[in-house]
PDB file of all heavy atoms in Angstrom:
ATOM      1  N   ARG A   1    -136.807 -94.901 -29.094  1.00  0.00           N
ATOM      2  CA  ARG A   1    -137.512 -96.095 -28.625  1.00  0.00           C
ATOM      3  C   ARG A   1    -137.650 -96.104 -27.100  1.00  0.00           C
ATOM      4  O   ARG A   1    -137.894 -97.146 -26.506  1.00  0.00           O
ATOM      5  CB  ARG A   1    -136.780 -97.338 -29.106  1.00  0.00           C
ATOM      6  CG  ARG A   1    -136.900 -97.547 -30.607  1.00  0.00           C
ATOM      7  CD  ARG A   1    -136.253 -98.828 -31.011  1.00  0.00           C
ATOM      8  NE  ARG A   1    -134.810 -98.750 -30.835  1.00  0.00           N
ATOM      9  CZ  ARG A   1    -133.937 -98.658 -31.814  1.00  0.00           C
ATOM     10  NH1 ARG A   1    -134.350 -98.633 -33.052  1.00  0.00           N
ATOM     11  NH2 ARG A   1    -132.654 -98.596 -31.571  1.00  0.00           N
ATOM     12  N   ASN A   2    -137.433 -94.930 -26.471  1.00  0.00           N
ATOM     13  CA  ASN A   2    -137.565 -94.749 -25.026  1.00  0.00           C
ATOM     14  C   ASN A   2    -136.576 -95.630 -24.251  1.00  0.00           C
ATOM     15  O   ASN A   2    -136.919 -96.197 -23.220  1.00  0.00           O
ATOM     16  CB  ASN A   2    -139.005 -95.004 -24.569  1.00  0.00           C
ATOM     17  CG  ASN A   2    -139.302 -94.291 -23.271  1.00  0.00           C
ATOM     18  OD1 ASN A   2    -138.646 -93.310 -22.929  1.00  0.00           O
ATOM     19  ND2 ASN A   2    -140.280 -94.780 -22.544  1.00  0.00           N
ATOM     20  N   GLU A   3    -135.359 -95.752 -24.765  1.00  0.00           N
ATOM     21  CA  GLU A   3    -134.308 -96.544 -24.129  1.00  0.00           C
ATOM     22  C   GLU A   3    -133.211 -95.620 -23.623  1.00  0.00           C
ATOM     23  O   GLU A   3    -132.865 -94.640 -24.279  1.00  0.00           O
ATOM     24  CB  GLU A   3    -133.695 -97.526 -25.134  1.00  0.00           C
ATOM     25  CG  GLU A   3    -134.668 -98.507 -25.709  1.00  0.00           C
ATOM     26  CD  GLU A   3    -134.069 -99.280 -26.868  1.00  0.00           C
ATOM     27  OE1 GLU A   3    -133.193 -98.738 -27.568  1.00  0.00           O
ATOM     28  OE2 GLU A   3    -134.488-100.417 -27.075  1.00  0.00           O
ATOM     29  N   LYS A   4    -132.657 -95.937 -22.466  1.00  0.00           N
ATOM     30  CA  LYS A   4    -131.477 -95.247 -21.953  1.00  0.00           C
ATOM     31  C   LYS A   4    -130.293 -96.177 -22.210  1.00  0.00           C
ATOM     32  O   LYS A   4    -130.275 -97.304 -21.745  1.00  0.00           O
ATOM     33  CB  LYS A   4    -131.633 -94.958 -20.462  1.00  0.00           C
ATOM     34  CG  LYS A   4    -132.786 -94.019 -20.175  1.00  0.00           C
ATOM     35  CD  LYS A   4    -132.907 -93.766 -18.707  1.00  0.00           C
ATOM     36  CE  LYS A   4    -134.074 -92.838 -18.428  1.00  0.00           C
ATOM     37  NZ  LYS A   4    -134.184 -92.521 -17.007  1.00  0.00           N
ATOM     38  N   LEU A   5    -129.316 -95.704 -22.949  1.00  0.00           N
ATOM     39  CA  LEU A   5    -128.227 -96.559 -23.398  1.00  0.00           C
ATOM     40  C   LEU A   5    -127.109 -96.627 -22.374  1.00  0.00           C
ATOM     41  O   LEU A   5    -126.686 -95.605 -21.815  1.00  0.00           O
ATOM     42  CB  LEU A   5    -127.689 -96.045 -24.731  1.00  0.00           C
ATOM     43  CG  LEU A   5    -128.718 -95.965 -25.851  1.00  0.00           C
ATOM     44  CD1 LEU A   5    -128.086 -95.378 -27.094  1.00  0.00           C
ATOM     45  CD2 LEU A   5    -129.303 -97.327 -26.136  1.00  0.00           C
ATOM     46  N   VAL A   6    -126.618 -97.853 -22.140  1.00  0.00           N
ATOM     47  CA  VAL A   6    -125.526 -98.095 -21.200  1.00  0.00           C
ATOM     48  C   VAL A   6    -124.522 -99.023 -21.863  1.00  0.00           C
ATOM     49  O   VAL A   6    -124.898 -99.998 -22.510  1.00  0.00           O
ATOM     50  CB  VAL A   6    -126.038 -98.750 -19.898  1.00  0.00           C
ATOM     51  CG1 VAL A   6    -124.897 -99.052 -18.961  1.00  0.00           C
ATOM     52  CG2 VAL A   6    -127.055 -97.869 -19.227  1.00  0.00           C
ATOM     53  N   SER A   7    -123.254 -98.707 -21.693  1.00  0.00           N
ATOM     54  CA  SER A   7    -122.183 -99.565 -22.178  1.00  0.00           C
ATOM     55  C   SER A   7    -121.244 -99.823 -21.015  1.00  0.00           C
ATOM     56  O   SER A   7    -120.765 -98.875 -20.380  1.00  0.00           O
ATOM     57  CB  SER A   7    -121.438 -98.868 -23.320  1.00  0.00           C
ATOM     58  OG  SER A   7    -120.269 -99.572 -23.626  1.00  0.00           O
ATOM     59  N   LEU A   8    -120.998-101.095 -20.696  1.00  0.00           N
ATOM     60  CA  LEU A   8    -120.155-101.453 -19.562  1.00  0.00           C
ATOM     61  C   LEU A   8    -119.099-102.460 -19.993  1.00  0.00           C
ATOM     62  O   LEU A   8    -119.396-103.413 -20.706  1.00  0.00           O
ATOM     63  CB  LEU A   8    -120.993-102.077 -18.440  1.00  0.00           C
ATOM     64  CG  LEU A   8    -122.084-101.219 -17.831  1.00  0.00           C
ATOM     65  CD1 LEU A   8    -122.962-102.066 -16.940  1.00  0.00           C
ATOM     66  CD2 LEU A   8    -121.483-100.070 -17.060  1.00  0.00           C
ATOM     67  N   ASN A   9    -117.884-102.274 -19.529  1.00  0.00           N
ATOM     68  CA  ASN A   9    -116.822-103.259 -19.699  1.00  0.00           C
ATOM     69  C   ASN A   9    -116.754-104.034 -18.383  1.00  0.00           C
ATOM     70  O   ASN A   9    -116.026-103.670 -17.464  1.00  0.00           O
ATOM     71  CB  ASN A   9    -115.496-102.573 -20.014  1.00  0.00           C
ATOM     72  CG  ASN A   9    -114.405-103.556 -20.349  1.00  0.00           C
ATOM     73  OD1 ASN A   9    -114.512-104.746 -20.079  1.00  0.00           O
ATOM     74  ND2 ASN A   9    -113.326-103.049 -20.941  1.00  0.00           N
ATOM     75  N   LEU A  10    -117.548-105.098 -18.283  1.00  0.00           N
ATOM     76  CA  LEU A  10    -117.700-105.816 -17.018  1.00  0.00           C
ATOM     77  C   LEU A  10    -116.411-106.497 -16.569  1.00  0.00           C
ATOM     78  O   LEU A  10    -116.178-106.647 -15.367  1.00  0.00           O
ATOM     79  CB  LEU A  10    -118.843-106.823 -17.127  1.00  0.00           C
ATOM     80  CG  LEU A  10    -120.228-106.204 -17.368  1.00  0.00           C
ATOM     81  CD1 LEU A  10    -121.264-107.294 -17.530  1.00  0.00           C
ATOM     82  CD2 LEU A  10    -120.590-105.266 -16.247  1.00  0.00           C
ATOM     83  N   GLU A  11    -115.574-106.900 -17.516  1.00  0.00           N
ATOM     84  CA  GLU A  11    -114.295-107.527 -17.135  1.00  0.00           C
ATOM     85  C   GLU A  11    -113.407-106.541 -16.388  1.00  0.00           C
ATOM     86  O   GLU A  11    -112.826-106.870 -15.355  1.00  0.00           O
ATOM     87  CB  GLU A  11    -113.568-108.050 -18.372  1.00  0.00           C
ATOM     88  CG  GLU A  11    -114.246-109.234 -19.029  1.00  0.00           C
ATOM     89  CD  GLU A  11    -113.513-109.682 -20.279  1.00  0.00           C
ATOM     90  OE1 GLU A  11    -112.412-109.164 -20.564  1.00  0.00           O
ATOM     91  OE2 GLU A  11    -114.057-110.553 -20.973  1.00  0.00           O
ATOM     92  N   ARG A  12    -113.320-105.325 -16.896  1.00  0.00           N
ATOM     93  CA  ARG A  12    -112.478-104.323 -16.246  1.00  0.00           C
ATOM     94  C   ARG A  12    -113.095-103.847 -14.934  1.00  0.00           C
ATOM     95  O   ARG A  12    -112.384-103.558 -13.967  1.00  0.00           O
ATOM     96  CB  ARG A  12    -112.232-103.131 -17.172  1.00  0.00           C
ATOM     97  CG  ARG A  12    -111.432-103.482 -18.394  1.00  0.00           C
ATOM     98  CD  ARG A  12    -110.097-104.105 -18.065  1.00  0.00           C
ATOM     99  NE  ARG A  12    -109.230-103.145 -17.379  1.00  0.00           N
ATOM    100  CZ  ARG A  12    -108.082-103.458 -16.786  1.00  0.00           C
ATOM    101  NH1 ARG A  12    -107.656-104.690 -16.775  1.00  0.00           N
ATOM    102  NH2 ARG A  12    -107.369-102.524 -16.193  1.00  0.00           N
ATOM    103  N   ILE A  13    -114.437-103.760 -14.870  1.00  0.00           N
ATOM    104  CA  ILE A  13    -115.088-103.378 -13.619  1.00  0.00           C
ATOM    105  C   ILE A  13    -114.820-104.440 -12.563  1.00  0.00           C
ATOM    106  O   ILE A  13    -114.504-104.128 -11.411  1.00  0.00           O
ATOM    107  CB  ILE A  13    -116.597-103.163 -13.844  1.00  0.00           C
ATOM    108  CG1 ILE A  13    -116.820-101.922 -14.717  1.00  0.00           C
ATOM    109  CG2 ILE A  13    -117.336-103.010 -12.517  1.00  0.00           C
ATOM    110  CD1 ILE A  13    -118.252-101.720 -15.157  1.00  0.00           C
ATOM    111  N   ALA A  14    -114.910-105.718 -12.947  1.00  0.00           N
ATOM    112  CA  ALA A  14    -114.610-106.802 -12.008  1.00  0.00           C
ATOM    113  C   ALA A  14    -113.155-106.742 -11.557  1.00  0.00           C
ATOM    114  O   ALA A  14    -112.848-106.980 -10.374  1.00  0.00           O
ATOM    115  CB  ALA A  14    -114.913-108.153 -12.646  1.00  0.00           C
ATOM    116  N   TYR A  15    -112.246-106.412 -12.476  1.00  0.00           N
ATOM    117  CA  TYR A  15    -110.835-106.285 -12.118  1.00  0.00           C
ATOM    118  C   TYR A  15    -110.642-105.203 -11.060  1.00  0.00           C
ATOM    119  O   TYR A  15    -109.971-105.418 -10.052  1.00  0.00           O
ATOM    120  CB  TYR A  15    -110.011-105.971 -13.365  1.00  0.00           C
ATOM    121  CG  TYR A  15    -108.599-105.540 -13.057  1.00  0.00           C
ATOM    122  CD1 TYR A  15    -107.619-106.478 -12.762  1.00  0.00           C
ATOM    123  CD2 TYR A  15    -108.244-104.194 -13.034  1.00  0.00           C
ATOM    124  CE1 TYR A  15    -106.321-106.081 -12.460  1.00  0.00           C
ATOM    125  CE2 TYR A  15    -106.964-103.792 -12.737  1.00  0.00           C
ATOM    126  CZ  TYR A  15    -106.005-104.738 -12.452  1.00  0.00           C
ATOM    127  OH  TYR A  15    -104.726-104.344 -12.141  1.00  0.00           O
ATOM    128  N   TRP A  16    -111.218-104.016 -11.289  1.00  0.00           N
ATOM    129  CA  TRP A  16    -111.017-102.912 -10.358  1.00  0.00           C
ATOM    130  C   TRP A  16    -111.702-103.166  -9.022  1.00  0.00           C
ATOM    131  O   TRP A  16    -111.165-102.817  -7.973  1.00  0.00           O
ATOM    132  CB  TRP A  16    -111.491-101.595 -10.977  1.00  0.00           C
ATOM    133  CG  TRP A  16    -110.514-101.084 -11.984  1.00  0.00           C
ATOM    134  CD1 TRP A  16    -110.670-101.043 -13.338  1.00  0.00           C
ATOM    135  CD2 TRP A  16    -109.206-100.566 -11.726  1.00  0.00           C
ATOM    136  NE1 TRP A  16    -109.553-100.539 -13.933  1.00  0.00           N
ATOM    137  CE2 TRP A  16    -108.637-100.234 -12.963  1.00  0.00           C
ATOM    138  CE3 TRP A  16    -108.465-100.357 -10.566  1.00  0.00           C
ATOM    139  CZ2 TRP A  16    -107.357 -99.701 -13.071  1.00  0.00           C
ATOM    140  CZ3 TRP A  16    -107.200 -99.816 -10.680  1.00  0.00           C
ATOM    141  CH2 TRP A  16    -106.651 -99.500 -11.918  1.00  0.00           C
ATOM    142  N   LEU A  17    -112.887-103.768  -9.039  1.00  0.00           N
ATOM    143  CA  LEU A  17    -113.546-104.103  -7.774  1.00  0.00           C
ATOM    144  C   LEU A  17    -112.739-105.147  -7.012  1.00  0.00           C
ATOM    145  O   LEU A  17    -112.642-105.096  -5.786  1.00  0.00           O
ATOM    146  CB  LEU A  17    -114.966-104.605  -8.022  1.00  0.00           C
ATOM    147  CG  LEU A  17    -115.967-103.555  -8.506  1.00  0.00           C
ATOM    148  CD1 LEU A  17    -117.302-104.213  -8.827  1.00  0.00           C
ATOM    149  CD2 LEU A  17    -116.136-102.458  -7.474  1.00  0.00           C
ATOM    150  N   GLY A  18    -112.136-106.083  -7.737  1.00  0.00           N
ATOM    151  CA  GLY A  18    -111.280-107.088  -7.109  1.00  0.00           C
ATOM    152  C   GLY A  18    -110.016-106.498  -6.514  1.00  0.00           C
ATOM    153  O   GLY A  18    -109.441-107.058  -5.575  1.00  0.00           O
ATOM    154  N   ASN A  19    -109.569-105.377  -7.050  1.00  0.00           N
ATOM    155  CA  ASN A  19    -108.366-104.714  -6.536  1.00  0.00           C
ATOM    156  C   ASN A  19    -108.696-103.648  -5.499  1.00  0.00           C
ATOM    157  O   ASN A  19    -107.844-102.823  -5.186  1.00  0.00           O
ATOM    158  CB  ASN A  19    -107.558-104.098  -7.682  1.00  0.00           C
ATOM    159  CG  ASN A  19    -106.791-105.155  -8.430  1.00  0.00           C
ATOM    160  OD1 ASN A  19    -106.503-106.214  -7.913  1.00  0.00           O
ATOM    161  ND2 ASN A  19    -106.475-104.880  -9.682  1.00  0.00           N
ATOM    162  N   GLY A  20    -109.922-103.632  -5.011  1.00  0.00           N
ATOM    163  CA  GLY A  20    -110.252-102.756  -3.901  1.00  0.00           C
ATOM    164  C   GLY A  20    -110.896-101.434  -4.255  1.00  0.00           C
ATOM    165  O   GLY A  20    -111.059-100.585  -3.387  1.00  0.00           O
ATOM    166  N   ALA A  21    -111.289-101.220  -5.495  1.00  0.00           N
ATOM    167  CA  ALA A  21    -111.950 -99.966  -5.861  1.00  0.00           C
ATOM    168  C   ALA A  21    -113.377 -99.962  -5.313  1.00  0.00           C
ATOM    169  O   ALA A  21    -114.035-100.996  -5.261  1.00  0.00           O
ATOM    170  CB  ALA A  21    -111.973 -99.798  -7.373  1.00  0.00           C
ATOM    171  N   ASP A  22    -113.843 -98.792  -4.899  1.00  0.00           N
ATOM    172  CA  ASP A  22    -115.220 -98.616  -4.445  1.00  0.00           C
ATOM    173  C   ASP A  22    -116.055 -98.047  -5.583  1.00  0.00           C
ATOM    174  O   ASP A  22    -115.526 -97.554  -6.572  1.00  0.00           O
ATOM    175  CB  ASP A  22    -115.273 -97.657  -3.257  1.00  0.00           C
ATOM    176  CG  ASP A  22    -114.632 -98.243  -2.014  1.00  0.00           C
ATOM    177  OD1 ASP A  22    -114.700 -99.474  -1.845  1.00  0.00           O
ATOM    178  OD2 ASP A  22    -114.075 -97.466  -1.220  1.00  0.00           O
ATOM    179  N   CYS A  23    -117.381 -98.099  -5.417  1.00  0.00           N
ATOM    180  CA  CYS A  23    -118.306 -97.501  -6.381  1.00  0.00           C
ATOM    181  C   CYS A  23    -119.128 -96.430  -5.685  1.00  0.00           C
ATOM    182  O   CYS A  23    -119.455 -96.565  -4.511  1.00  0.00           O
ATOM    183  CB  CYS A  23    -119.274 -98.549  -6.933  1.00  0.00           C
ATOM    184  SG  CYS A  23    -118.550 -99.749  -8.009  1.00  0.00           S
ATOM    185  N   THR A  24    -119.489 -95.396  -6.428  1.00  0.00           N
ATOM    186  CA  THR A  24    -120.427 -94.412  -5.903  1.00  0.00           C
ATOM    187  C   THR A  24    -121.835 -95.018  -5.961  1.00  0.00           C
ATOM    188  O   THR A  24    -122.072 -95.995  -6.666  1.00  0.00           O
ATOM    189  CB  THR A  24    -120.374 -93.117  -6.715  1.00  0.00           C
ATOM    190  OG1 THR A  24    -120.698 -93.409  -8.072  1.00  0.00           O
ATOM    191  CG2 THR A  24    -118.999 -92.469  -6.627  1.00  0.00           C
ATOM    192  N   LYS A  25    -122.773 -94.414  -5.224  1.00  0.00           N
ATOM    193  CA  LYS A  25    -124.136 -94.952  -5.191  1.00  0.00           C
ATOM    194  C   LYS A  25    -124.801 -94.992  -6.565  1.00  0.00           C
ATOM    195  O   LYS A  25    -125.432 -95.995  -6.910  1.00  0.00           O
ATOM    196  CB  LYS A  25    -124.988 -94.161  -4.200  1.00  0.00           C
ATOM    197  CG  LYS A  25    -124.678 -94.490  -2.775  1.00  0.00           C
ATOM    198  CD  LYS A  25    -125.594 -93.751  -1.826  1.00  0.00           C
ATOM    199  CE  LYS A  25    -125.184 -94.038  -0.385  1.00  0.00           C
ATOM    200  NZ  LYS A  25    -126.053 -93.328   0.569  1.00  0.00           N
TER     201      LYS A  25
END
């Protein structure tokens, strides 16, 4: 169906960003 699938655990991403983790571009 021309879709690129993404699965994110936003709660854990928010936790790690809150604890000072950086993200790549």
